[in-house]
Structures are given as C-alpha cells and as structure tokens.
Amino acid sequence: MPKIVDHDARRLEIVHATWRLIAEKGFRATTMREIAKASGVANGGLFPYFRNKEELIGATFEHVFAATNERFAAVRADLEGMAALRELMLQIFPLDEERILEARIVIPFWEYAANEPDLLALHERTMDQWRVEFGGHLADAKRLGEIRDDVDIPVVVDHLMAMLDGVQVIAVVAPASAATDRLTRSLDGYLDLLR
C-alpha cells in the first residue's frame, strides 16, 4: 500500500528547512539540492510541492508574515489604540534571534519580488493587511484621545511601514546598531511624537 503523505504538512516542513538555510547562508547561496536534503526528500522531490525557487521563497515569506500575526494575536488580548499598534510593531521588529532570522528572509524576498509580478503582488497583499491594521489602531487611538486630532493617519502608516523596512535591514547588515533597547526606544520616540 502506498505511503500517504500530508501535502500541506510536507510543504510546511520544506518551508521551515528553507527558512533556516536562507537565514544561515543567504538566498542566493542556498540551492534546491540543499533544501531537498534538509527537508528529507530526494533530489527533485521538491517539485511536487514547489515548482521553483521563487515559489518557495514566496511560501517562506508568507510563513514569516503568518508567524508575526500569530505572535501578535497571542499577546494582543484586549489591547487597543496605541498599545495595540505598539505591540504589533514590536512583533515585527527584529528584537530576538527568531525575528532577525525572519528579516534575513524578508530582505532577499524583496529583491525577487521586484522582478517577479506574482511575488510583488504577494508582498503588496500582505503589506496592505498591515497598513489597514495600523490605520485601524491609529483611528482607535485618535478616538481614545491618545494621539492628536491633526495626525494624518495615512502619512503615519507610511512612516511606520518605512520604519519596519529600515529596522529589518539594520538588524541584518548593521546588527551592532540594532540592540533591542535601541530599536524599542526609536519606536517609542516616534509614537510619542503623535501624542
């Protein structure tokens, strides 16, 4: 009787192996052969799950995005307004080894997304989700009197998105400048400007 394989579970195992290899070696230096070996599948055994390396990095990026949202959901509780916004930002910020590894996935993903329409669309869909969520938290903060009435929410959302991109790059290429307390102070300093 043939072995029954849980396709979704196998895809997730491959994504996890890919994530670790890319974080250690970089995307360009990681080969499909190495990913197959780390995933416990034969050479060529990735193709039933991922047609190519670009599709695999897209799935890995989605996994990182989902992991961030799961962390936020786990700590959010009854937070709203500025407290909820700050907590979501902290879950994205590269403040520990896991999130630094995530940044090491996101950065090469950007390079591929710039030239791959499907990956670019994936990036825009996921970032749009965060933009909407940031805007909602800021609107709640304004309603609660936590930020000034003249705060332009779409502009602040753009600032926050740029801040996220920046801290991920800093954590990967200039880790000495990315100490947890330094990044947290930067975020808090910016949020204080809105009050």
N, C-alpha and C. Protein backbone atom coordinates (compact mmCIF):
# COMPACT_ATOMS: atom_id res chain seq x y z
N MET A 1 0.85 -1.18 0.00
CA MET A 1 0.00 0.00 0.00
C MET A 1 0.89 1.24 0.00
N PRO A 2 0.61 2.23 -0.89
CA PRO A 2 1.46 3.42 -0.94
C PRO A 2 1.35 4.26 0.33
N LYS A 3 2.46 4.90 0.65
CA LYS A 3 2.50 5.76 1.83
C LYS A 3 1.65 7.01 1.58
N ILE A 4 0.83 7.37 2.55
CA ILE A 4 0.00 8.57 2.44
C ILE A 4 0.81 9.75 2.99
N VAL A 5 0.94 10.79 2.17
CA VAL A 5 1.71 11.96 2.56
C VAL A 5 0.75 13.14 2.74
N ASP A 6 0.87 13.78 3.86
CA ASP A 6 0.10 15.00 4.11
C ASP A 6 0.80 16.13 3.35
N HIS A 7 0.21 16.52 2.23
CA HIS A 7 0.82 17.50 1.33
C HIS A 7 1.11 18.83 2.04
N ASP A 8 0.13 19.32 2.81
CA ASP A 8 0.31 20.61 3.50
C ASP A 8 1.40 20.53 4.56
N ALA A 9 1.43 19.41 5.29
CA ALA A 9 2.46 19.24 6.32
C ALA A 9 3.85 19.17 5.69
N ARG A 10 3.94 18.48 4.56
CA ARG A 10 5.23 18.36 3.87
C ARG A 10 5.69 19.74 3.34
N ARG A 11 4.75 20.51 2.79
CA ARG A 11 5.09 21.86 2.32
C ARG A 11 5.64 22.71 3.47
N LEU A 12 4.98 22.60 4.65
CA LEU A 12 5.43 23.37 5.80
C LEU A 12 6.83 22.93 6.24
N GLU A 13 7.11 21.63 6.22
CA GLU A 13 8.44 21.14 6.56
C GLU A 13 9.48 21.72 5.61
N ILE A 14 9.15 21.78 4.34
CA ILE A 14 10.07 22.32 3.35
C ILE A 14 10.29 23.81 3.59
N VAL A 15 9.22 24.53 3.90
CA VAL A 15 9.34 25.96 4.19
C VAL A 15 10.23 26.18 5.40
N HIS A 16 10.06 25.38 6.45
CA HIS A 16 10.89 25.52 7.65
C HIS A 16 12.37 25.28 7.32
N ALA A 17 12.63 24.24 6.55
CA ALA A 17 14.02 23.94 6.16
C ALA A 17 14.59 25.08 5.32
N THR A 18 13.79 25.59 4.41
CA THR A 18 14.23 26.70 3.54
C THR A 18 14.54 27.92 4.38
N TRP A 19 13.66 28.23 5.31
CA TRP A 19 13.81 29.39 6.17
C TRP A 19 15.15 29.35 6.89
N ARG A 20 15.45 28.22 7.50
CA ARG A 20 16.70 28.11 8.26
C ARG A 20 17.93 28.21 7.36
N LEU A 21 17.89 27.55 6.21
CA LEU A 21 19.04 27.60 5.29
C LEU A 21 19.26 29.01 4.76
N ILE A 22 18.20 29.67 4.35
CA ILE A 22 18.35 31.03 3.82
C ILE A 22 18.87 31.96 4.91
N ALA A 23 18.35 31.80 6.11
CA ALA A 23 18.80 32.65 7.21
C ALA A 23 20.29 32.44 7.50
N GLU A 24 20.77 31.20 7.35
CA GLU A 24 22.17 30.89 7.62
C GLU A 24 23.09 31.30 6.48
N LYS A 25 22.66 31.01 5.24
CA LYS A 25 23.57 31.14 4.10
C LYS A 25 23.21 32.25 3.12
N GLY A 26 21.99 32.74 3.20
CA GLY A 26 21.52 33.68 2.19
C GLY A 26 20.77 32.95 1.09
N PHE A 27 19.88 33.66 0.43
CA PHE A 27 19.02 33.02 -0.56
C PHE A 27 19.80 32.54 -1.78
N ARG A 28 20.69 33.38 -2.28
CA ARG A 28 21.42 33.01 -3.49
C ARG A 28 22.32 31.81 -3.27
N ALA A 29 22.90 31.70 -2.08
CA ALA A 29 23.83 30.60 -1.81
C ALA A 29 23.12 29.30 -1.46
N THR A 30 21.84 29.35 -1.23
CA THR A 30 21.08 28.15 -0.87
C THR A 30 20.55 27.49 -2.14
N THR A 31 20.90 26.23 -2.32
CA THR A 31 20.47 25.52 -3.53
C THR A 31 19.24 24.67 -3.26
N MET A 32 18.52 24.35 -4.33
CA MET A 32 17.36 23.47 -4.20
C MET A 32 17.80 22.09 -3.69
N ARG A 33 18.97 21.67 -4.09
CA ARG A 33 19.50 20.37 -3.61
C ARG A 33 19.66 20.39 -2.09
N GLU A 34 20.22 21.49 -1.55
CA GLU A 34 20.39 21.61 -0.09
C GLU A 34 19.04 21.65 0.61
N ILE A 35 18.10 22.36 0.03
CA ILE A 35 16.76 22.44 0.62
C ILE A 35 16.12 21.05 0.64
N ALA A 36 16.25 20.32 -0.46
CA ALA A 36 15.70 18.97 -0.52
C ALA A 36 16.31 18.09 0.56
N LYS A 37 17.64 18.15 0.68
CA LYS A 37 18.33 17.33 1.68
C LYS A 37 17.87 17.70 3.09
N ALA A 38 17.82 19.02 3.39
CA ALA A 38 17.39 19.46 4.72
C ALA A 38 15.94 19.11 5.01
N SER A 39 15.15 18.97 3.94
CA SER A 39 13.72 18.63 4.09
C SER A 39 13.48 17.13 4.15
N GLY A 40 14.53 16.35 3.89
CA GLY A 40 14.38 14.90 3.92
C GLY A 40 13.69 14.33 2.69
N VAL A 41 13.83 15.02 1.56
CA VAL A 41 13.26 14.50 0.32
C VAL A 41 14.38 14.29 -0.68
N ALA A 42 14.14 13.43 -1.65
CA ALA A 42 15.14 13.14 -2.67
C ALA A 42 15.36 14.36 -3.55
N ASN A 43 16.53 14.39 -4.19
CA ASN A 43 16.80 15.47 -5.13
C ASN A 43 15.71 15.45 -6.20
N GLY A 44 15.11 16.58 -6.44
CA GLY A 44 13.96 16.62 -7.36
C GLY A 44 12.64 16.40 -6.65
N GLY A 45 12.70 16.03 -5.37
CA GLY A 45 11.49 15.75 -4.62
C GLY A 45 10.73 16.99 -4.17
N LEU A 46 11.30 18.16 -4.41
CA LEU A 46 10.61 19.41 -4.05
C LEU A 46 9.55 19.79 -5.06
N PHE A 47 9.71 19.33 -6.29
CA PHE A 47 8.87 19.83 -7.38
C PHE A 47 7.38 19.52 -7.26
N PRO A 48 6.98 18.44 -6.60
CA PRO A 48 5.53 18.28 -6.40
C PRO A 48 4.95 19.34 -5.45
N TYR A 49 5.81 19.99 -4.69
CA TYR A 49 5.36 20.97 -3.70
C TYR A 49 5.62 22.41 -4.14
N PHE A 50 6.76 22.63 -4.78
CA PHE A 50 7.15 23.96 -5.25
C PHE A 50 7.79 23.82 -6.63
N ARG A 51 7.28 24.58 -7.59
CA ARG A 51 7.77 24.46 -8.96
C ARG A 51 9.18 25.00 -9.13
N ASN A 52 9.54 26.00 -8.33
CA ASN A 52 10.86 26.62 -8.48
C ASN A 52 11.23 27.35 -7.18
N LYS A 53 12.42 27.90 -7.18
CA LYS A 53 12.94 28.57 -6.00
C LYS A 53 12.12 29.82 -5.66
N GLU A 54 11.65 30.52 -6.69
CA GLU A 54 10.88 31.73 -6.46
C GLU A 54 9.56 31.41 -5.75
N GLU A 55 8.91 30.34 -6.15
CA GLU A 55 7.66 29.93 -5.49
C GLU A 55 7.93 29.55 -4.04
N LEU A 56 9.06 28.92 -3.82
CA LEU A 56 9.44 28.50 -2.47
C LEU A 56 9.73 29.71 -1.58
N ILE A 57 10.41 30.72 -2.10
CA ILE A 57 10.67 31.90 -1.26
C ILE A 57 9.37 32.66 -1.00
N GLY A 58 8.43 32.63 -1.95
CA GLY A 58 7.13 33.24 -1.71
C GLY A 58 6.42 32.57 -0.55
N ALA A 59 6.44 31.24 -0.53
CA ALA A 59 5.80 30.50 0.56
C ALA A 59 6.52 30.76 1.88
N THR A 60 7.82 30.90 1.84
CA THR A 60 8.59 31.18 3.05
C THR A 60 8.27 32.57 3.58
N PHE A 61 8.14 33.54 2.68
CA PHE A 61 7.75 34.89 3.09
C PHE A 61 6.35 34.87 3.73
N GLU A 62 5.42 34.16 3.11
CA GLU A 62 4.06 34.05 3.69
C GLU A 62 4.11 33.44 5.07
N HIS A 63 4.98 32.46 5.26
CA HIS A 63 5.11 31.81 6.57
C HIS A 63 5.60 32.82 7.62
N VAL A 64 6.58 33.63 7.25
CA VAL A 64 7.10 34.65 8.18
C VAL A 64 6.00 35.65 8.53
N PHE A 65 5.24 36.08 7.53
CA PHE A 65 4.14 37.03 7.75
C PHE A 65 3.10 36.42 8.70
N ALA A 66 2.74 35.16 8.46
CA ALA A 66 1.75 34.49 9.31
C ALA A 66 2.28 34.32 10.73
N ALA A 67 3.57 33.99 10.87
CA ALA A 67 4.15 33.81 12.21
C ALA A 67 4.09 35.11 13.00
N THR A 68 4.34 36.23 12.34
CA THR A 68 4.26 37.53 13.00
C THR A 68 2.84 37.79 13.49
N ASN A 69 1.88 37.54 12.63
CA ASN A 69 0.48 37.77 13.00
C ASN A 69 0.05 36.85 14.14
N GLU A 70 0.54 35.63 14.15
CA GLU A 70 0.22 34.70 15.24
C GLU A 70 0.81 35.19 16.56
N ARG A 71 2.04 35.70 16.52
CA ARG A 71 2.64 36.24 17.75
C ARG A 71 1.80 37.40 18.28
N PHE A 72 1.38 38.27 17.37
CA PHE A 72 0.57 39.42 17.80
C PHE A 72 -0.74 38.96 18.40
N ALA A 73 -1.40 38.02 17.75
CA ALA A 73 -2.68 37.51 18.25
C ALA A 73 -2.52 36.91 19.65
N ALA A 74 -1.36 36.29 19.90
CA ALA A 74 -1.13 35.64 21.19
C ALA A 74 -0.93 36.64 22.32
N VAL A 75 -0.47 37.86 22.00
CA VAL A 75 -0.19 38.82 23.07
C VAL A 75 -1.16 40.00 23.08
N ARG A 76 -2.00 40.08 22.07
CA ARG A 76 -2.85 41.26 21.92
C ARG A 76 -3.88 41.41 23.04
N ALA A 77 -4.53 40.34 23.42
CA ALA A 77 -5.56 40.36 24.47
C ALA A 77 -6.57 41.48 24.18
N ASP A 78 -6.73 42.39 25.13
CA ASP A 78 -7.70 43.47 24.98
C ASP A 78 -7.05 44.79 24.60
N LEU A 79 -5.87 44.74 24.04
CA LEU A 79 -5.19 45.98 23.68
C LEU A 79 -5.92 46.69 22.55
N GLU A 80 -5.91 48.00 22.61
CA GLU A 80 -6.46 48.78 21.50
C GLU A 80 -5.67 50.07 21.39
N GLY A 81 -5.91 50.79 20.32
CA GLY A 81 -5.25 52.07 20.13
C GLY A 81 -3.75 51.96 20.08
N MET A 82 -3.07 52.88 20.76
CA MET A 82 -1.61 52.94 20.72
C MET A 82 -0.96 51.69 21.30
N ALA A 83 -1.55 51.12 22.32
CA ALA A 83 -0.97 49.91 22.92
C ALA A 83 -0.98 48.76 21.92
N ALA A 84 -2.08 48.62 21.18
CA ALA A 84 -2.16 47.55 20.17
C ALA A 84 -1.19 47.82 19.03
N LEU A 85 -1.11 49.05 18.57
CA LEU A 85 -0.19 49.40 17.50
C LEU A 85 1.25 49.13 17.91
N ARG A 86 1.62 49.56 19.10
CA ARG A 86 2.99 49.35 19.58
C ARG A 86 3.30 47.86 19.66
N GLU A 87 2.36 47.08 20.17
CA GLU A 87 2.61 45.64 20.31
C GLU A 87 2.78 44.97 18.96
N LEU A 88 1.96 45.35 17.98
CA LEU A 88 2.11 44.77 16.64
C LEU A 88 3.47 45.14 16.06
N MET A 89 3.86 46.40 16.19
CA MET A 89 5.17 46.82 15.68
C MET A 89 6.29 46.02 16.35
N LEU A 90 6.18 45.81 17.64
CA LEU A 90 7.23 45.06 18.35
C LEU A 90 7.29 43.61 17.89
N GLN A 91 6.16 43.05 17.48
CA GLN A 91 6.18 41.67 16.98
C GLN A 91 6.85 41.58 15.62
N ILE A 92 6.88 42.67 14.88
CA ILE A 92 7.53 42.69 13.57
C ILE A 92 9.00 43.08 13.71
N PHE A 93 9.32 43.95 14.64
CA PHE A 93 10.70 44.41 14.83
C PHE A 93 11.63 43.22 15.09
N PRO A 94 12.86 43.26 14.58
CA PRO A 94 13.82 42.16 14.79
C PRO A 94 14.48 42.26 16.17
N LEU A 95 13.71 41.90 17.19
CA LEU A 95 14.17 42.08 18.57
C LEU A 95 14.75 40.83 19.21
N ASP A 96 14.69 39.70 18.51
CA ASP A 96 15.27 38.48 19.03
C ASP A 96 15.76 37.64 17.85
N GLU A 97 16.39 36.53 18.16
CA GLU A 97 17.01 35.72 17.10
C GLU A 97 16.00 35.25 16.07
N GLU A 98 14.82 34.86 16.51
CA GLU A 98 13.79 34.39 15.58
C GLU A 98 13.39 35.48 14.59
N ARG A 99 13.17 36.69 15.09
CA ARG A 99 12.74 37.78 14.22
C ARG A 99 13.89 38.32 13.36
N ILE A 100 15.11 38.16 13.82
CA ILE A 100 16.26 38.51 12.96
C ILE A 100 16.35 37.52 11.80
N LEU A 101 16.11 36.24 12.09
CA LEU A 101 16.07 35.25 11.02
C LEU A 101 14.96 35.58 10.02
N GLU A 102 13.83 36.03 10.53
CA GLU A 102 12.74 36.42 9.64
C GLU A 102 13.17 37.57 8.74
N ALA A 103 13.89 38.54 9.30
CA ALA A 103 14.38 39.67 8.50
C ALA A 103 15.32 39.16 7.40
N ARG A 104 16.08 38.11 7.70
CA ARG A 104 17.01 37.56 6.71
C ARG A 104 16.26 36.85 5.58
N ILE A 105 15.00 36.54 5.78
CA ILE A 105 14.16 36.01 4.72
C ILE A 105 13.53 37.16 3.93
N VAL A 106 13.06 38.15 4.64
CA VAL A 106 12.33 39.25 4.01
C VAL A 106 13.21 40.02 3.03
N ILE A 107 14.44 40.28 3.40
CA ILE A 107 15.30 41.11 2.55
C ILE A 107 15.55 40.48 1.18
N PRO A 108 15.95 39.20 1.08
CA PRO A 108 16.11 38.64 -0.27
C PRO A 108 14.77 38.50 -1.00
N PHE A 109 13.70 38.33 -0.23
CA PHE A 109 12.38 38.26 -0.87
C PHE A 109 12.11 39.55 -1.64
N TRP A 110 12.46 40.70 -1.05
CA TRP A 110 12.24 41.99 -1.73
C TRP A 110 12.92 42.02 -3.08
N GLU A 111 14.15 41.52 -3.12
CA GLU A 111 14.90 41.53 -4.38
C GLU A 111 14.17 40.72 -5.45
N TYR A 112 13.70 39.55 -5.08
CA TYR A 112 12.98 38.72 -6.04
C TYR A 112 11.63 39.32 -6.39
N ALA A 113 10.95 39.87 -5.42
CA ALA A 113 9.62 40.44 -5.66
C ALA A 113 9.68 41.60 -6.65
N ALA A 114 10.78 42.35 -6.64
CA ALA A 114 10.90 43.50 -7.53
C ALA A 114 10.83 43.09 -9.00
N ASN A 115 11.19 41.85 -9.30
CA ASN A 115 11.23 41.39 -10.70
C ASN A 115 10.27 40.25 -11.00
N GLU A 116 9.48 39.85 -10.03
CA GLU A 116 8.53 38.75 -10.21
C GLU A 116 7.13 39.25 -9.88
N PRO A 117 6.27 39.44 -10.88
CA PRO A 117 4.94 40.01 -10.62
C PRO A 117 4.13 39.26 -9.57
N ASP A 118 4.21 37.93 -9.53
CA ASP A 118 3.44 37.18 -8.54
C ASP A 118 3.93 37.46 -7.12
N LEU A 119 5.26 37.53 -6.96
CA LEU A 119 5.82 37.82 -5.64
C LEU A 119 5.54 39.27 -5.24
N LEU A 120 5.60 40.16 -6.20
CA LEU A 120 5.28 41.56 -5.91
C LEU A 120 3.83 41.70 -5.45
N ALA A 121 2.93 40.98 -6.11
CA ALA A 121 1.52 41.02 -5.72
C ALA A 121 1.34 40.43 -4.32
N LEU A 122 2.07 39.35 -4.01
CA LEU A 122 2.01 38.76 -2.67
C LEU A 122 2.49 39.78 -1.64
N HIS A 123 3.59 40.45 -1.92
CA HIS A 123 4.12 41.45 -0.99
C HIS A 123 3.09 42.55 -0.76
N GLU A 124 2.49 43.05 -1.82
CA GLU A 124 1.52 44.13 -1.68
C GLU A 124 0.29 43.68 -0.89
N ARG A 125 -0.18 42.46 -1.13
CA ARG A 125 -1.34 41.95 -0.38
C ARG A 125 -1.05 41.89 1.11
N THR A 126 0.11 41.36 1.47
CA THR A 126 0.43 41.21 2.89
C THR A 126 0.68 42.58 3.54
N MET A 127 1.41 43.43 2.85
CA MET A 127 1.68 44.75 3.43
C MET A 127 0.40 45.58 3.53
N ASP A 128 -0.51 45.41 2.58
CA ASP A 128 -1.80 46.11 2.67
C ASP A 128 -2.57 45.68 3.91
N GLN A 129 -2.45 44.41 4.28
CA GLN A 129 -3.12 43.95 5.52
C GLN A 129 -2.58 44.72 6.72
N TRP A 130 -1.26 44.87 6.78
CA TRP A 130 -0.68 45.61 7.90
C TRP A 130 -1.04 47.08 7.83
N ARG A 131 -1.05 47.66 6.64
CA ARG A 131 -1.43 49.07 6.53
C ARG A 131 -2.84 49.30 7.08
N VAL A 132 -3.76 48.41 6.71
CA VAL A 132 -5.13 48.53 7.20
C VAL A 132 -5.16 48.38 8.72
N GLU A 133 -4.41 47.40 9.23
CA GLU A 133 -4.40 47.20 10.68
C GLU A 133 -3.78 48.39 11.41
N PHE A 134 -2.67 48.90 10.90
CA PHE A 134 -2.06 50.09 11.51
C PHE A 134 -3.05 51.25 11.52
N GLY A 135 -3.69 51.47 10.38
CA GLY A 135 -4.66 52.56 10.27
C GLY A 135 -5.80 52.40 11.26
N GLY A 136 -6.26 51.16 11.45
CA GLY A 136 -7.34 50.91 12.41
C GLY A 136 -6.92 51.22 13.84
N HIS A 137 -5.69 50.81 14.19
CA HIS A 137 -5.20 51.10 15.55
C HIS A 137 -5.03 52.61 15.76
N LEU A 138 -4.55 53.28 14.72
CA LEU A 138 -4.38 54.74 14.83
C LEU A 138 -5.73 55.45 14.94
N ALA A 139 -6.71 54.98 14.18
CA ALA A 139 -8.05 55.57 14.28
C ALA A 139 -8.62 55.36 15.69
N ASP A 140 -8.39 54.16 16.25
CA ASP A 140 -8.83 53.90 17.63
C ASP A 140 -8.10 54.84 18.60
N ALA A 141 -6.80 55.02 18.36
CA ALA A 141 -6.01 55.89 19.24
C ALA A 141 -6.55 57.32 19.19
N LYS A 142 -6.92 57.77 18.00
CA LYS A 142 -7.47 59.12 17.86
C LYS A 142 -8.81 59.21 18.59
N ARG A 143 -9.65 58.20 18.42
CA ARG A 143 -10.95 58.17 19.10
C ARG A 143 -10.79 58.17 20.61
N LEU A 144 -9.75 57.49 21.10
CA LEU A 144 -9.50 57.40 22.54
C LEU A 144 -8.75 58.62 23.10
N GLY A 145 -8.39 59.54 22.22
CA GLY A 145 -7.66 60.72 22.66
C GLY A 145 -6.19 60.45 22.95
N GLU A 146 -5.65 59.38 22.40
CA GLU A 146 -4.24 59.01 22.66
C GLU A 146 -3.28 59.71 21.70
N ILE A 147 -3.79 60.20 20.58
CA ILE A 147 -2.96 60.94 19.64
C ILE A 147 -3.69 62.23 19.27
N ARG A 148 -2.95 63.18 18.73
CA ARG A 148 -3.51 64.48 18.38
C ARG A 148 -4.56 64.34 17.27
N ASP A 149 -5.51 65.23 17.26
CA ASP A 149 -6.55 65.24 16.23
C ASP A 149 -5.99 65.55 14.84
N ASP A 150 -4.87 66.27 14.78
CA ASP A 150 -4.33 66.65 13.48
C ASP A 150 -3.40 65.60 12.88
N VAL A 151 -3.23 64.45 13.54
CA VAL A 151 -2.38 63.39 13.00
C VAL A 151 -3.00 62.86 11.71
N ASP A 152 -2.20 62.85 10.64
CA ASP A 152 -2.64 62.35 9.33
C ASP A 152 -2.36 60.84 9.30
N ILE A 153 -3.40 60.05 9.50
CA ILE A 153 -3.22 58.60 9.66
C ILE A 153 -2.54 57.95 8.45
N PRO A 154 -2.94 58.21 7.20
CA PRO A 154 -2.24 57.58 6.08
C PRO A 154 -0.74 57.91 6.03
N VAL A 155 -0.38 59.13 6.39
CA VAL A 155 1.04 59.51 6.41
C VAL A 155 1.77 58.73 7.50
N VAL A 156 1.16 58.62 8.68
CA VAL A 156 1.79 57.88 9.77
C VAL A 156 1.93 56.40 9.40
N VAL A 157 0.94 55.84 8.73
CA VAL A 157 1.05 54.44 8.29
C VAL A 157 2.24 54.29 7.36
N ASP A 158 2.42 55.23 6.43
CA ASP A 158 3.60 55.18 5.54
C ASP A 158 4.89 55.25 6.34
N HIS A 159 4.94 56.10 7.36
CA HIS A 159 6.15 56.21 8.21
C HIS A 159 6.42 54.88 8.90
N LEU A 160 5.38 54.27 9.45
CA LEU A 160 5.55 53.00 10.17
C LEU A 160 6.04 51.89 9.23
N MET A 161 5.49 51.84 8.02
CA MET A 161 5.93 50.82 7.07
C MET A 161 7.41 51.03 6.71
N ALA A 162 7.81 52.28 6.50
CA ALA A 162 9.21 52.57 6.19
C ALA A 162 10.10 52.21 7.37
N MET A 163 9.62 52.49 8.59
CA MET A 163 10.39 52.15 9.79
C MET A 163 10.62 50.63 9.87
N LEU A 164 9.58 49.87 9.58
CA LEU A 164 9.71 48.41 9.63
C LEU A 164 10.76 47.92 8.64
N ASP A 165 10.69 48.42 7.42
CA ASP A 165 11.68 48.01 6.42
C ASP A 165 13.08 48.38 6.90
N GLY A 166 13.23 49.59 7.43
CA GLY A 166 14.53 50.05 7.87
C GLY A 166 15.13 49.23 8.99
N VAL A 167 14.33 48.92 10.01
CA VAL A 167 14.89 48.17 11.14
C VAL A 167 15.25 46.75 10.74
N GLN A 168 14.54 46.18 9.76
CA GLN A 168 14.92 44.84 9.31
C GLN A 168 16.27 44.86 8.60
N VAL A 169 16.47 45.87 7.77
CA VAL A 169 17.77 46.00 7.09
C VAL A 169 18.88 46.22 8.12
N ILE A 170 18.65 47.12 9.06
CA ILE A 170 19.67 47.41 10.08
C ILE A 170 20.03 46.15 10.86
N ALA A 171 19.04 45.36 11.23
CA ALA A 171 19.30 44.16 12.03
C ALA A 171 20.18 43.16 11.28
N VAL A 172 20.05 43.13 9.96
CA VAL A 172 20.81 42.17 9.16
C VAL A 172 22.18 42.71 8.79
N VAL A 173 22.27 43.96 8.36
CA VAL A 173 23.54 44.46 7.85
C VAL A 173 24.35 45.27 8.87
N ALA A 174 23.71 45.74 9.94
CA ALA A 174 24.42 46.50 10.98
C ALA A 174 23.91 46.10 12.35
N PRO A 175 24.09 44.82 12.70
CA PRO A 175 23.49 44.33 13.96
C PRO A 175 23.93 45.09 15.20
N ALA A 176 25.10 45.68 15.19
CA ALA A 176 25.54 46.44 16.37
C ALA A 176 24.64 47.66 16.61
N SER A 177 23.96 48.11 15.57
CA SER A 177 23.05 49.26 15.71
C SER A 177 21.62 48.83 15.99
N ALA A 178 21.40 47.53 16.15
CA ALA A 178 20.04 47.02 16.27
C ALA A 178 19.77 46.37 17.63
N ALA A 179 20.39 46.89 18.67
CA ALA A 179 20.12 46.36 20.00
C ALA A 179 18.63 46.55 20.33
N THR A 180 18.07 45.60 21.03
CA THR A 180 16.64 45.61 21.34
C THR A 180 16.20 46.92 21.98
N ASP A 181 16.93 47.38 22.98
CA ASP A 181 16.51 48.61 23.67
C ASP A 181 16.60 49.81 22.74
N ARG A 182 17.58 49.83 21.86
CA ARG A 182 17.72 50.95 20.92
C ARG A 182 16.54 51.00 19.94
N LEU A 183 16.19 49.85 19.38
CA LEU A 183 15.07 49.80 18.45
C LEU A 183 13.76 50.15 19.15
N THR A 184 13.58 49.64 20.35
CA THR A 184 12.36 49.92 21.10
C THR A 184 12.25 51.41 21.44
N ARG A 185 13.37 52.02 21.83
CA ARG A 185 13.37 53.47 22.11
C ARG A 185 13.03 54.27 20.86
N SER A 186 13.53 53.83 19.72
CA SER A 186 13.23 54.53 18.46
C SER A 186 11.73 54.49 18.16
N LEU A 187 11.15 53.31 18.34
CA LEU A 187 9.71 53.19 18.11
C LEU A 187 8.94 54.06 19.08
N ASP A 188 9.27 53.96 20.36
CA ASP A 188 8.54 54.74 21.36
C ASP A 188 8.71 56.24 21.13
N GLY A 189 9.91 56.65 20.72
CA GLY A 189 10.13 58.06 20.43
C GLY A 189 9.26 58.55 19.30
N TYR A 190 9.12 57.72 18.26
CA TYR A 190 8.25 58.12 17.14
C TYR A 190 6.80 58.19 17.59
N LEU A 191 6.34 57.16 18.31
CA LEU A 191 4.94 57.16 18.74
C LEU A 191 4.63 58.34 19.66
N ASP A 192 5.62 58.74 20.46
CA ASP A 192 5.42 59.90 21.34
C ASP A 192 5.20 61.19 20.55
N LEU A 193 5.76 61.27 19.36
CA LEU A 193 5.57 62.46 18.53
C LEU A 193 4.12 62.63 18.08
N LEU A 194 3.35 61.55 18.15
CA LEU A 194 1.95 61.60 17.70
C LEU A 194 1.01 62.07 18.79
N ARG A 195 1.49 62.11 20.02
CA ARG A 195 0.62 62.41 21.17
C ARG A 195 0.33 63.90 21.30
